[in-house]
């Protein structure tokens, strides 16, 4: 319910007007400023929703990238442990050569991916 008084918006005249309570700033303001505040609040809410949607999407993509990196790291760790085990045991030359080839291929692929970034 409106009440009479002076609008608390700094840009308003000092005339006595019908005032309404703004739901976003809890001040009593005239109808034109109430409408303006409501429009700003609506725009801000829409911008916030857009940011939430975009951030959610980007975080999901980022999480997938991290998971892929972790999967690759686990593969590299497994290959490293395989190589260390081959050195610690009496592995055959063929087995060691196979691991050596895998490690060299992995190193080359890693260096190539760094160059292309």
PDB file of N, CA and C in Angstrom:
ATOM      1  N   UNK A   1       0.848  -1.176   0.000  1.00  0.00           N
ATOM      2  CA  UNK A   1       0.000   0.000   0.000  1.00  0.00           C
ATOM      3  C   UNK A   1       0.893   1.238   0.000  1.00  0.00           C
ATOM      4  N   UNK A   2       0.624   2.162  -0.916  1.00  0.00           N
ATOM      5  CA  UNK A   2       1.487   3.344  -1.008  1.00  0.00           C
ATOM      6  C   UNK A   2       1.303   4.274   0.195  1.00  0.00           C
ATOM      7  N   UNK A   3       2.360   5.022   0.457  1.00  0.00           N
ATOM      8  CA  UNK A   3       2.289   6.053   1.490  1.00  0.00           C
ATOM      9  C   UNK A   3       2.823   7.342   0.901  1.00  0.00           C
ATOM     10  N   UNK A   4       2.496   8.454   1.496  1.00  0.00           N
ATOM     11  CA  UNK A   4       2.957   9.745   1.003  1.00  0.00           C
ATOM     12  C   UNK A   4       4.282  10.107   1.653  1.00  0.00           C
ATOM     13  N   UNK A   5       5.154  10.737   0.862  1.00  0.00           N
ATOM     14  CA  UNK A   5       6.443  11.173   1.386  1.00  0.00           C
ATOM     15  C   UNK A   5       7.376  11.543   0.257  1.00  0.00           C
ATOM     16  N   UNK A   6       8.650  11.671   0.596  1.00  0.00           N
ATOM     17  CA  UNK A   6       9.660  12.016  -0.406  1.00  0.00           C
ATOM     18  C   UNK A   6      10.414  10.753  -0.804  1.00  0.00           C
ATOM     19  N   UNK A   7      10.614  10.605  -2.090  1.00  0.00           N
ATOM     20  CA  UNK A   7      11.328   9.447  -2.638  1.00  0.00           C
ATOM     21  C   UNK A   7      12.764   9.459  -2.122  1.00  0.00           C
ATOM     22  N   UNK A   8      13.257   8.306  -1.710  1.00  0.00           N
ATOM     23  CA  UNK A   8      14.622   8.217  -1.171  1.00  0.00           C
ATOM     24  C   UNK A   8      15.682   8.021  -2.256  1.00  0.00           C
ATOM     25  N   UNK A   9      15.268   7.915  -3.513  1.00  0.00           N
ATOM     26  CA  UNK A   9      16.245   7.813  -4.600  1.00  0.00           C
ATOM     27  C   UNK A   9      16.930   9.166  -4.764  1.00  0.00           C
ATOM     28  N   UNK A  10      18.263   9.164  -4.861  1.00  0.00           N
ATOM     29  CA  UNK A  10      19.047  10.405  -4.927  1.00  0.00           C
ATOM     30  C   UNK A  10      18.703  11.258  -6.140  1.00  0.00           C
ATOM     31  N   UNK A  11      18.257  10.648  -7.214  1.00  0.00           N
ATOM     32  CA  UNK A  11      18.001  11.387  -8.451  1.00  0.00           C
ATOM     33  C   UNK A  11      16.600  11.981  -8.505  1.00  0.00           C
ATOM     34  N   UNK A  12      15.783  11.700  -7.517  1.00  0.00           N
ATOM     35  CA  UNK A  12      14.392  12.143  -7.540  1.00  0.00           C
ATOM     36  C   UNK A  12      14.270  13.566  -6.981  1.00  0.00           C
ATOM     37  N   UNK A  13      13.185  14.227  -7.364  1.00  0.00           N
ATOM     38  CA  UNK A  13      12.900  15.567  -6.834  1.00  0.00           C
ATOM     39  C   UNK A  13      12.472  15.445  -5.377  1.00  0.00           C
ATOM     40  N   UNK A  14      12.423  16.559  -4.696  1.00  0.00           N
ATOM     41  CA  UNK A  14      12.039  16.563  -3.285  1.00  0.00           C
ATOM     42  C   UNK A  14      10.536  16.722  -3.086  1.00  0.00           C
ATOM     43  N   UNK A  15       9.766  16.494  -4.116  1.00  0.00           N
ATOM     44  CA  UNK A  15       8.312  16.626  -4.010  1.00  0.00           C
ATOM     45  C   UNK A  15       7.728  15.481  -3.190  1.00  0.00           C
ATOM     46  N   UNK A  16       6.576  15.750  -2.586  1.00  0.00           N
ATOM     47  CA  UNK A  16       5.852  14.699  -1.877  1.00  0.00           C
ATOM     48  C   UNK A  16       5.104  13.874  -2.917  1.00  0.00           C
ATOM     49  N   UNK A  17       5.290  12.557  -2.827  1.00  0.00           N
ATOM     50  CA  UNK A  17       4.687  11.650  -3.816  1.00  0.00           C
ATOM     51  C   UNK A  17       4.181  10.410  -3.108  1.00  0.00           C
ATOM     52  N   UNK A  18       3.462   9.605  -3.872  1.00  0.00           N
ATOM     53  CA  UNK A  18       3.102   8.284  -3.356  1.00  0.00           C
ATOM     54  C   UNK A  18       4.349   7.411  -3.433  1.00  0.00           C
ATOM     55  N   UNK A  19       4.651   6.747  -2.322  1.00  0.00           N
ATOM     56  CA  UNK A  19       5.861   5.929  -2.250  1.00  0.00           C
ATOM     57  C   UNK A  19       5.504   4.465  -2.072  1.00  0.00           C
ATOM     58  N   UNK A  20       6.373   3.621  -2.615  1.00  0.00           N
ATOM     59  CA  UNK A  20       6.192   2.169  -2.545  1.00  0.00           C
ATOM     60  C   UNK A  20       7.494   1.561  -2.023  1.00  0.00           C
ATOM     61  N   UNK A  21       7.378   0.493  -1.273  1.00  0.00           N
ATOM     62  CA  UNK A  21       8.578  -0.154  -0.746  1.00  0.00           C
ATOM     63  C   UNK A  21       9.196  -1.039  -1.833  1.00  0.00           C
ATOM     64  N   UNK A  22      10.455  -0.782  -2.112  1.00  0.00           N
ATOM     65  CA  UNK A  22      11.179  -1.587  -3.101  1.00  0.00           C
ATOM     66  C   UNK A  22      11.590  -2.902  -2.449  1.00  0.00           C
ATOM     67  N   UNK A  23      11.265  -4.006  -3.103  1.00  0.00           N
ATOM     68  CA  UNK A  23      11.570  -5.318  -2.526  1.00  0.00           C
ATOM     69  C   UNK A  23      13.065  -5.653  -2.558  1.00  0.00           C
ATOM     70  N   UNK A  24      13.844  -4.964  -3.413  1.00  0.00           N
ATOM     71  CA  UNK A  24      15.276  -5.294  -3.468  1.00  0.00           C
ATOM     72  C   UNK A  24      16.122  -4.413  -2.553  1.00  0.00           C
ATOM     73  N   UNK A  25      15.743  -3.182  -2.334  1.00  0.00           N
ATOM     74  CA  UNK A  25      16.572  -2.320  -1.472  1.00  0.00           C
ATOM     75  C   UNK A  25      15.843  -1.895  -0.197  1.00  0.00           C
ATOM     76  N   UNK A  26      14.594  -2.276  -0.047  1.00  0.00           N
ATOM     77  CA  UNK A  26      13.776  -2.009   1.140  1.00  0.00           C
ATOM     78  C   UNK A  26      13.705  -0.504   1.445  1.00  0.00           C
ATOM     79  N   UNK A  27      13.706   0.300   0.415  1.00  0.00           N
ATOM     80  CA  UNK A  27      13.535   1.749   0.583  1.00  0.00           C
ATOM     81  C   UNK A  27      12.184   2.133   0.007  1.00  0.00           C
ATOM     82  N   UNK A  28      11.679   3.280   0.455  1.00  0.00           N
ATOM     83  CA  UNK A  28      10.429   3.787  -0.091  1.00  0.00           C
ATOM     84  C   UNK A  28      10.756   4.752  -1.216  1.00  0.00           C
ATOM     85  N   UNK A  29      10.265   4.418  -2.406  1.00  0.00           N
ATOM     86  CA  UNK A  29      10.562   5.214  -3.593  1.00  0.00           C
ATOM     87  C   UNK A  29       9.297   5.408  -4.418  1.00  0.00           C
ATOM     88  N   UNK A  30       9.360   6.403  -5.305  1.00  0.00           N
ATOM     89  CA  UNK A  30       8.208   6.695  -6.164  1.00  0.00           C
ATOM     90  C   UNK A  30       8.064   5.598  -7.226  1.00  0.00           C
ATOM     91  N   UNK A  31       6.921   5.576  -7.873  1.00  0.00           N
ATOM     92  CA  UNK A  31       6.613   4.518  -8.834  1.00  0.00           C
ATOM     93  C   UNK A  31       7.621   4.442  -9.986  1.00  0.00           C
ATOM     94  N   UNK A  32       8.020   5.572 -10.610  1.00  0.00           N
ATOM     95  CA  UNK A  32       9.007   5.456 -11.695  1.00  0.00           C
ATOM     96  C   UNK A  32      10.325   4.814 -11.233  1.00  0.00           C
ATOM     97  N   UNK A  33      10.777   5.182 -10.037  1.00  0.00           N
ATOM     98  CA  UNK A  33      12.017   4.587  -9.540  1.00  0.00           C
ATOM     99  C   UNK A  33      11.805   3.138  -9.112  1.00  0.00           C
ATOM    100  N   UNK A  34      10.623   2.817  -8.635  1.00  0.00           N
ATOM    101  CA  UNK A  34      10.316   1.429  -8.295  1.00  0.00           C
ATOM    102  C   UNK A  34      10.389   0.559  -9.550  1.00  0.00           C
ATOM    103  N   UNK A  35       9.818   1.050 -10.628  1.00  0.00           N
ATOM    104  CA  UNK A  35       9.861   0.316 -11.902  1.00  0.00           C
ATOM    105  C   UNK A  35      11.312   0.174 -12.370  1.00  0.00           C
ATOM    106  N   UNK A  36      12.086   1.257 -12.253  1.00  0.00           N
ATOM    107  CA  UNK A  36      13.499   1.228 -12.654  1.00  0.00           C
ATOM    108  C   UNK A  36      14.283   0.211 -11.814  1.00  0.00           C
ATOM    109  N   UNK A  37      14.058   0.219 -10.512  1.00  0.00           N
ATOM    110  CA  UNK A  37      14.738  -0.746  -9.634  1.00  0.00           C
ATOM    111  C   UNK A  37      14.359  -2.173 -10.009  1.00  0.00           C
ATOM    112  N   UNK A  38      13.085  -2.383 -10.297  1.00  0.00           N
ATOM    113  CA  UNK A  38      12.613  -3.719 -10.657  1.00  0.00           C
ATOM    114  C   UNK A  38      13.251  -4.190 -11.961  1.00  0.00           C
ATOM    115  N   UNK A  39      13.357  -3.278 -12.934  1.00  0.00           N
ATOM    116  CA  UNK A  39      13.990  -3.634 -14.211  1.00  0.00           C
ATOM    117  C   UNK A  39      15.467  -3.983 -14.006  1.00  0.00           C
ATOM    118  N   UNK A  40      16.162  -3.204 -13.171  1.00  0.00           N
ATOM    119  CA  UNK A  40      17.574  -3.492 -12.886  1.00  0.00           C
ATOM    120  C   UNK A  40      17.716  -4.838 -12.187  1.00  0.00           C
ATOM    121  N   UNK A  41      16.818  -5.108 -11.250  1.00  0.00           N
ATOM    122  CA  UNK A  41      16.868  -6.386 -10.527  1.00  0.00           C
ATOM    123  C   UNK A  41      16.631  -7.549 -11.483  1.00  0.00           C
ATOM    124  N   UNK A  42      15.711  -7.374 -12.421  1.00  0.00           N
ATOM    125  CA  UNK A  42      15.424  -8.421 -13.405  1.00  0.00           C
ATOM    126  C   UNK A  42      16.639  -8.672 -14.290  1.00  0.00           C
ATOM    127  N   UNK A  43      17.262  -7.601 -14.761  1.00  0.00           N
ATOM    128  CA  UNK A  43      18.461  -7.729 -15.601  1.00  0.00           C
ATOM    129  C   UNK A  43      19.584  -8.408 -14.815  1.00  0.00           C
ATOM    130  N   UNK A  44      19.776  -7.989 -13.567  1.00  0.00           N
ATOM    131  CA  UNK A  44      20.822  -8.604 -12.735  1.00  0.00           C
ATOM    132  C   UNK A  44      20.551 -10.085 -12.519  1.00  0.00           C
ATOM    133  N   UNK A  45      19.295 -10.437 -12.299  1.00  0.00           N
ATOM    134  CA  UNK A  45      18.933 -11.839 -12.095  1.00  0.00           C
ATOM    135  C   UNK A  45      19.202 -12.650 -13.363  1.00  0.00           C
ATOM    136  N   UNK A  46      18.876 -12.074 -14.527  1.00  0.00           N
ATOM    137  CA  UNK A  46      19.126 -12.758 -15.794  1.00  0.00           C
ATOM    138  C   UNK A  46      20.627 -12.937 -16.029  1.00  0.00           C
ATOM    139  N   UNK A  47      21.405 -11.899 -15.718  1.00  0.00           N
ATOM    140  CA  UNK A  47      22.856 -11.996 -15.876  1.00  0.00           C
ATOM    141  C   UNK A  47      23.427 -13.060 -14.946  1.00  0.00           C
ATOM    142  N   UNK A  48      22.920 -13.114 -13.726  1.00  0.00           N
ATOM    143  CA  UNK A  48      23.375 -14.121 -12.776  1.00  0.00           C
ATOM    144  C   UNK A  48      23.047 -15.517 -13.286  1.00  0.00           C
ATOM    145  N   UNK A  49      21.842 -15.710 -13.793  1.00  0.00           N
ATOM    146  CA  UNK A  49      21.444 -17.017 -14.329  1.00  0.00           C
ATOM    147  C   UNK A  49      22.334 -17.416 -15.501  1.00  0.00           C
ATOM    148  N   UNK A  50      22.627 -16.464 -16.377  1.00  0.00           N
ATOM    149  CA  UNK A  50      23.508 -16.734 -17.519  1.00  0.00           C
ATOM    150  C   UNK A  50      24.898 -17.139 -17.031  1.00  0.00           C
ATOM    151  N   UNK A  51      25.419 -16.415 -16.048  1.00  0.00           N
ATOM    152  CA  UNK A  51      26.740 -16.750 -15.489  1.00  0.00           C
ATOM    153  C   UNK A  51      26.732 -18.130 -14.847  1.00  0.00           C
ATOM    154  N   UNK A  52      25.670 -18.461 -14.131  1.00  0.00           N
ATOM    155  CA  UNK A  52      25.570 -19.770 -13.486  1.00  0.00           C
ATOM    156  C   UNK A  52      25.585 -20.874 -14.533  1.00  0.00           C
ATOM    157  N   UNK A  53      24.814 -20.704 -15.593  1.00  0.00           N
ATOM    158  CA  UNK A  53      24.748 -21.709 -16.663  1.00  0.00           C
ATOM    159  C   UNK A  53      26.112 -21.854 -17.336  1.00  0.00           C
ATOM    160  N   UNK A  54      26.746 -20.727 -17.666  1.00  0.00           N
ATOM    161  CA  UNK A  54      28.046 -20.771 -18.332  1.00  0.00           C
ATOM    162  C   UNK A  54      29.113 -21.382 -17.435  1.00  0.00           C
ATOM    163  N   UNK A  55      29.134 -20.982 -16.166  1.00  0.00           N
ATOM    164  CA  UNK A  55      30.135 -21.515 -15.246  1.00  0.00           C
ATOM    165  C   UNK A  55      29.935 -23.009 -15.029  1.00  0.00           C
ATOM    166  N   UNK A  56      28.695 -23.441 -14.918  1.00  0.00           N
ATOM    167  CA  UNK A  56      28.407 -24.865 -14.758  1.00  0.00           C
ATOM    168  C   UNK A  56      28.931 -25.654 -15.955  1.00  0.00           C
ATOM    169  N   UNK A  57      28.693 -25.140 -17.143  1.00  0.00           N
ATOM    170  CA  UNK A  57      29.153 -25.804 -18.363  1.00  0.00           C
ATOM    171  C   UNK A  57      30.680 -25.847 -18.434  1.00  0.00           C
ATOM    172  N   UNK A  58      31.309 -24.722 -18.158  1.00  0.00           N
ATOM    173  CA  UNK A  58      32.770 -24.639 -18.226  1.00  0.00           C
ATOM    174  C   UNK A  58      33.410 -25.544 -17.173  1.00  0.00           C
ATOM    175  N   UNK A  59      32.847 -25.571 -15.970  1.00  0.00           N
ATOM    176  CA  UNK A  59      33.396 -26.434 -14.921  1.00  0.00           C
ATOM    177  C   UNK A  59      33.261 -27.906 -15.290  1.00  0.00           C
ATOM    178  N   UNK A  60      32.165 -28.253 -15.942  1.00  0.00           N
ATOM    179  CA  UNK A  60      31.975 -29.635 -16.384  1.00  0.00           C
ATOM    180  C   UNK A  60      33.042 -30.019 -17.411  1.00  0.00           C
ATOM    181  N   UNK A  61      33.280 -29.135 -18.359  1.00  0.00           N
ATOM    182  CA  UNK A  61      34.319 -29.370 -19.363  1.00  0.00           C
ATOM    183  C   UNK A  61      35.693 -29.456 -18.704  1.00  0.00           C
ATOM    184  N   UNK A  62      35.960 -28.556 -17.774  1.00  0.00           N
ATOM    185  CA  UNK A  62      37.240 -28.538 -17.070  1.00  0.00           C
ATOM    186  C   UNK A  62      37.438 -29.826 -16.279  1.00  0.00           C
ATOM    187  N   UNK A  63      36.375 -30.294 -15.656  1.00  0.00           N
ATOM    188  CA  UNK A  63      36.456 -31.541 -14.895  1.00  0.00           C
ATOM    189  C   UNK A  63      36.794 -32.717 -15.811  1.00  0.00           C
ATOM    190  N   UNK A  64      36.195 -32.746 -17.007  1.00  0.00           N
ATOM    191  CA  UNK A  64      36.500 -33.817 -17.963  1.00  0.00           C
ATOM    192  C   UNK A  64      37.963 -33.754 -18.402  1.00  0.00           C
ATOM    193  N   UNK A  65      38.475 -32.541 -18.604  1.00  0.00           N
ATOM    194  CA  UNK A  65      39.879 -32.373 -18.989  1.00  0.00           C
ATOM    195  C   UNK A  65      40.792 -32.900 -17.883  1.00  0.00           C
ATOM    196  N   UNK A  66      40.481 -32.541 -16.648  1.00  0.00           N
ATOM    197  CA  UNK A  66      41.291 -32.997 -15.512  1.00  0.00           C
ATOM    198  C   UNK A  66      41.248 -34.514 -15.398  1.00  0.00           C
ATOM    199  N   UNK A  67      40.057 -35.094 -15.542  1.00  0.00           N
ATOM    200  CA  UNK A  67      39.932 -36.553 -15.468  1.00  0.00           C
ATOM    201  C   UNK A  67      40.749 -37.240 -16.554  1.00  0.00           C
ATOM    202  N   UNK A  68      40.762 -36.664 -17.752  1.00  0.00           N
ATOM    203  CA  UNK A  68      41.560 -37.228 -18.844  1.00  0.00           C
ATOM    204  C   UNK A  68      43.049 -37.136 -18.517  1.00  0.00           C
ATOM    205  N   UNK A  69      43.471 -35.997 -17.986  1.00  0.00           N
ATOM    206  CA  UNK A  69      44.877 -35.853 -17.585  1.00  0.00           C
ATOM    207  C   UNK A  69      45.241 -36.876 -16.509  1.00  0.00           C
ATOM    208  N   UNK A  70      44.349 -37.077 -15.565  1.00  0.00           N
ATOM    209  CA  UNK A  70      44.616 -38.045 -14.491  1.00  0.00           C
ATOM    210  C   UNK A  70      44.708 -39.467 -15.050  1.00  0.00           C
ATOM    211  N   UNK A  71      43.857 -39.776 -16.036  1.00  0.00           N
ATOM    212  CA  UNK A  71      43.902 -41.098 -16.666  1.00  0.00           C
ATOM    213  C   UNK A  71      45.246 -41.304 -17.364  1.00  0.00           C
ATOM    214  N   UNK A  72      45.706 -40.292 -18.081  1.00  0.00           N
ATOM    215  CA  UNK A  72      46.993 -40.369 -18.777  1.00  0.00           C
ATOM    216  C   UNK A  72      48.131 -40.501 -17.763  1.00  0.00           C
ATOM    217  N   UNK A  73      48.060 -39.742 -16.686  1.00  0.00           N
ATOM    218  CA  UNK A  73      49.094 -39.836 -15.643  1.00  0.00           C
ATOM    219  C   UNK A  73      49.138 -41.240 -15.058  1.00  0.00           C
ATOM    220  N   UNK A  74      47.978 -41.831 -14.821  1.00  0.00           N
ATOM    221  CA  UNK A  74      47.942 -43.204 -14.294  1.00  0.00           C
ATOM    222  C   UNK A  74      48.577 -44.183 -15.280  1.00  0.00           C
ATOM    223  N   UNK A  75      48.325 -43.983 -16.581  1.00  0.00           N
ATOM    224  CA  UNK A  75      48.956 -44.835 -17.592  1.00  0.00           C
ATOM    225  C   UNK A  75      50.475 -44.667 -17.558  1.00  0.00           C
ATOM    226  N   UNK A  76      50.927 -43.426 -17.416  1.00  0.00           N
ATOM    227  CA  UNK A  76      52.366 -43.159 -17.353  1.00  0.00           C
ATOM    228  C   UNK A  76      52.979 -43.793 -16.106  1.00  0.00           C
ATOM    229  N   UNK A  77      52.273 -43.673 -14.981  1.00  0.00           N
ATOM    230  CA  UNK A  77      52.774 -44.288 -13.740  1.00  0.00           C
ATOM    231  C   UNK A  77      52.884 -45.805 -13.887  1.00  0.00           C
ATOM    232  N   UNK A  78      51.884 -46.405 -14.512  1.00  0.00           N
ATOM    233  CA  UNK A  78      51.902 -47.856 -14.724  1.00  0.00           C
ATOM    234  C   UNK A  78      53.096 -48.252 -15.579  1.00  0.00           C
ATOM    235  N   UNK A  79      53.345 -47.498 -16.638  1.00  0.00           N
ATOM    236  CA  UNK A  79      54.490 -47.775 -17.505  1.00  0.00           C
ATOM    237  C   UNK A  79      55.808 -47.586 -16.745  1.00  0.00           C
ATOM    238  N   UNK A  80      55.891 -46.565 -15.912  1.00  0.00           N
ATOM    239  CA  UNK A  80      57.080 -46.332 -15.097  1.00  0.00           C
ATOM    240  C   UNK A  80      57.328 -47.508 -14.156  1.00  0.00           C
ATOM    241  N   UNK A  81      56.288 -47.947 -13.480  1.00  0.00           N
ATOM    242  CA  UNK A  81      56.426 -49.088 -12.561  1.00  0.00           C
ATOM    243  C   UNK A  81      56.811 -50.361 -13.307  1.00  0.00           C
ATOM    244  N   UNK A  82      56.259 -50.516 -14.505  1.00  0.00           N
ATOM    245  CA  UNK A  82      56.598 -51.675 -15.335  1.00  0.00           C
ATOM    246  C   UNK A  82      58.088 -51.656 -15.688  1.00  0.00           C
ATOM    247  N   UNK A  83      58.594 -50.466 -16.032  1.00  0.00           N
ATOM    248  CA  UNK A  83      60.015 -50.324 -16.357  1.00  0.00           C
ATOM    249  C   UNK A  83      60.902 -50.585 -15.155  1.00  0.00           C
ATOM    250  N   UNK A  84      60.514 -50.048 -14.000  1.00  0.00           N
ATOM    251  CA  UNK A  84      61.295 -50.274 -12.777  1.00  0.00           C
ATOM    252  C   UNK A  84      61.298 -51.753 -12.401  1.00  0.00           C
ATOM    253  N   UNK A  85      60.153 -52.397 -12.552  1.00  0.00           N
ATOM    254  CA  UNK A  85      60.064 -53.828 -12.236  1.00  0.00           C
ATOM    255  C   UNK A  85      60.943 -54.638 -13.180  1.00  0.00           C
ATOM    256  N   UNK A  86      60.983 -54.246 -14.457  1.00  0.00           N
ATOM    257  CA  UNK A  86      61.819 -54.957 -15.431  1.00  0.00           C
ATOM    258  C   UNK A  86      63.294 -54.824 -15.069  1.00  0.00           C
ATOM    259  N   UNK A  87      63.680 -53.646 -14.569  1.00  0.00           N
ATOM    260  CA  UNK A  87      65.075 -53.448 -14.153  1.00  0.00           C
ATOM    261  C   UNK A  87      65.405 -54.236 -12.886  1.00  0.00           C
ATOM    262  N   UNK A  88      64.429 -54.354 -11.999  1.00  0.00           N
ATOM    263  CA  UNK A  88      64.668 -55.020 -10.712  1.00  0.00           C
ATOM    264  C   UNK A  88      64.656 -56.537 -10.819  1.00  0.00           C
ATOM    265  N   UNK A  89      64.049 -57.049 -11.859  1.00  0.00           N
ATOM    266  CA  UNK A  89      63.977 -58.509 -12.026  1.00  0.00           C
ATOM    267  C   UNK A  89      64.807 -58.920 -13.228  1.00  0.00           C
ATOM    268  N   UNK A  90      64.942 -60.167 -13.392  1.00  0.00           N
ATOM    269  CA  UNK A  90      65.711 -60.688 -14.531  1.00  0.00           C
ATOM    270  C   UNK A  90      64.799 -60.786 -15.746  1.00  0.00           C
ATOM    271  N   UNK A  91      64.380 -59.617 -16.259  1.00  0.00           N
ATOM    272  CA  UNK A  91      63.518 -59.614 -17.441  1.00  0.00           C
ATOM    273  C   UNK A  91      64.339 -59.892 -18.686  1.00  0.00           C
ATOM    274  N   UNK A  92      63.670 -60.368 -19.702  1.00  0.00           N
ATOM    275  CA  UNK A  92      64.362 -60.666 -20.959  1.00  0.00           C
ATOM    276  C   UNK A  92      64.681 -59.366 -21.694  1.00  0.00           C
ATOM    277  N   UNK A  93      65.620 -59.463 -22.609  1.00  0.00           N
ATOM    278  CA  UNK A  93      65.995 -58.304 -23.424  1.00  0.00           C
ATOM    279  C   UNK A  93      64.812 -57.836 -24.257  1.00  0.00           C
ATOM    280  N   UNK A  94      64.022 -58.778 -24.778  1.00  0.00           N
ATOM    281  CA  UNK A  94      62.845 -58.414 -25.573  1.00  0.00           C
ATOM    282  C   UNK A  94      61.831 -57.634 -24.733  1.00  0.00           C
ATOM    283  N   UNK A  95      61.616 -58.090 -23.508  1.00  0.00           N
ATOM    284  CA  UNK A  95      60.659 -57.410 -22.625  1.00  0.00           C
ATOM    285  C   UNK A  95      61.150 -55.994 -22.295  1.00  0.00           C
ATOM    286  N   UNK A  96      62.446 -55.883 -21.986  1.00  0.00           N
ATOM    287  CA  UNK A  96      63.010 -54.563 -21.685  1.00  0.00           C
ATOM    288  C   UNK A  96      62.962 -53.648 -22.903  1.00  0.00           C
ATOM    289  N   UNK A  97      63.239 -54.194 -24.087  1.00  0.00           N
ATOM    290  CA  UNK A  97      63.188 -53.399 -25.315  1.00  0.00           C
ATOM    291  C   UNK A  97      61.764 -52.915 -25.571  1.00  0.00           C
ATOM    292  N   UNK A  98      60.791 -53.770 -25.333  1.00  0.00           N
ATOM    293  CA  UNK A  98      59.388 -53.408 -25.508  1.00  0.00           C
ATOM    294  C   UNK A  98      59.016 -52.244 -24.576  1.00  0.00           C
ATOM    295  N   UNK A  99      59.414 -52.331 -23.311  1.00  0.00           N
ATOM    296  CA  UNK A  99      59.130 -51.258 -22.348  1.00  0.00           C
ATOM    297  C   UNK A  99      59.874 -49.989 -22.743  1.00  0.00           C
ATOM    298  N   UNK A 100      61.137 -50.134 -23.157  1.00  0.00           N
ATOM    299  CA  UNK A 100      61.930 -48.988 -23.602  1.00  0.00           C
ATOM    300  C   UNK A 100      61.238 -48.282 -24.760  1.00  0.00           C
ATOM    301  N   UNK A 101      60.761 -49.038 -25.739  1.00  0.00           N
ATOM    302  CA  UNK A 101      60.053 -48.461 -26.888  1.00  0.00           C
ATOM    303  C   UNK A 101      58.792 -47.713 -26.439  1.00  0.00           C
ATOM    304  N   UNK A 102      58.049 -48.323 -25.513  1.00  0.00           N
ATOM    305  CA  UNK A 102      56.822 -47.683 -25.013  1.00  0.00           C
ATOM    306  C   UNK A 102      57.132 -46.362 -24.303  1.00  0.00           C
ATOM    307  N   UNK A 103      58.176 -46.375 -23.475  1.00  0.00           N
ATOM    308  CA  UNK A 103      58.550 -45.163 -22.736  1.00  0.00           C
ATOM    309  C   UNK A 103      59.019 -44.078 -23.701  1.00  0.00           C
ATOM    310  N   UNK A 104      59.850 -44.447 -24.677  1.00  0.00           N
ATOM    311  CA  UNK A 104      60.336 -43.461 -25.648  1.00  0.00           C
ATOM    312  C   UNK A 104      59.186 -42.881 -26.471  1.00  0.00           C
ATOM    313  N   UNK A 105      58.248 -43.726 -26.859  1.00  0.00           N
ATOM    314  CA  UNK A 105      57.074 -43.257 -27.608  1.00  0.00           C
ATOM    315  C   UNK A 105      56.249 -42.292 -26.758  1.00  0.00           C
ATOM    316  N   UNK A 106      56.081 -42.628 -25.490  1.00  0.00           N
ATOM    317  CA  UNK A 106      55.309 -41.774 -24.578  1.00  0.00           C
ATOM    318  C   UNK A 106      56.002 -40.431 -24.378  1.00  0.00           C
ATOM    319  N   UNK A 107      57.320 -40.459 -24.193  1.00  0.00           N
ATOM    320  CA  UNK A 107      58.080 -39.215 -24.023  1.00  0.00           C
ATOM    321  C   UNK A 107      57.966 -38.352 -25.274  1.00  0.00           C
ATOM    322  N   UNK A 108      58.134 -38.955 -26.446  1.00  0.00           N
ATOM    323  CA  UNK A 108      58.045 -38.205 -27.706  1.00  0.00           C
ATOM    324  C   UNK A 108      56.653 -37.598 -27.880  1.00  0.00           C
ATOM    325  N   UNK A 109      55.625 -38.378 -27.577  1.00  0.00           N
ATOM    326  CA  UNK A 109      54.250 -37.874 -27.704  1.00  0.00           C
ATOM    327  C   UNK A 109      54.013 -36.715 -26.740  1.00  0.00           C
ATOM    328  N   UNK A 110      54.563 -36.823 -25.545  1.00  0.00           N
ATOM    329  CA  UNK A 110      54.406 -35.764 -24.546  1.00  0.00           C
ATOM    330  C   UNK A 110      55.122 -34.490 -24.995  1.00  0.00           C
ATOM    331  N   UNK A 111      56.325 -34.636 -25.549  1.00  0.00           N
ATOM    332  CA  UNK A 111      57.070 -33.473 -26.026  1.00  0.00           C
ATOM    333  C   UNK A 111      56.367 -32.832 -27.216  1.00  0.00           C
ATOM    334  N   UNK A 112      55.808 -33.648 -28.106  1.00  0.00           N
ATOM    335  CA  UNK A 112      55.078 -33.115 -29.258  1.00  0.00           C
ATOM    336  C   UNK A 112      53.827 -32.365 -28.823  1.00  0.00           C
ATOM    337  N   UNK A 113      53.140 -32.861 -27.809  1.00  0.00           N
ATOM    338  CA  UNK A 113      51.927 -32.176 -27.349  1.00  0.00           C
ATOM    339  C   UNK A 113      52.277 -30.849 -26.685  1.00  0.00           C
ATOM    340  N   UNK A 114      53.438 -30.752 -26.040  1.00  0.00           N
ATOM    341  CA  UNK A 114      53.872 -29.488 -25.443  1.00  0.00           C
ATOM    342  C   UNK A 114      54.228 -28.481 -26.523  1.00  0.00           C
ATOM    343  N   UNK A 115      54.843 -28.941 -27.601  1.00  0.00           N
ATOM    344  CA  UNK A 115      55.230 -28.063 -28.706  1.00  0.00           C
ATOM    345  C   UNK A 115      53.992 -27.509 -29.400  1.00  0.00           C
ATOM    346  N   UNK A 116      52.972 -28.335 -29.587  1.00  0.00           N
ATOM    347  CA  UNK A 116      51.771 -27.902 -30.309  1.00  0.00           C
ATOM    348  C   UNK A 116      50.897 -26.968 -29.484  1.00  0.00           C
ATOM    349  N   UNK A 117      51.124 -26.885 -28.177  1.00  0.00           N
ATOM    350  CA  UNK A 117      50.340 -25.974 -27.328  1.00  0.00           C
ATOM    351  C   UNK A 117      50.944 -24.626 -27.437  1.00  0.00           C
TER     352      UNK A 117
END
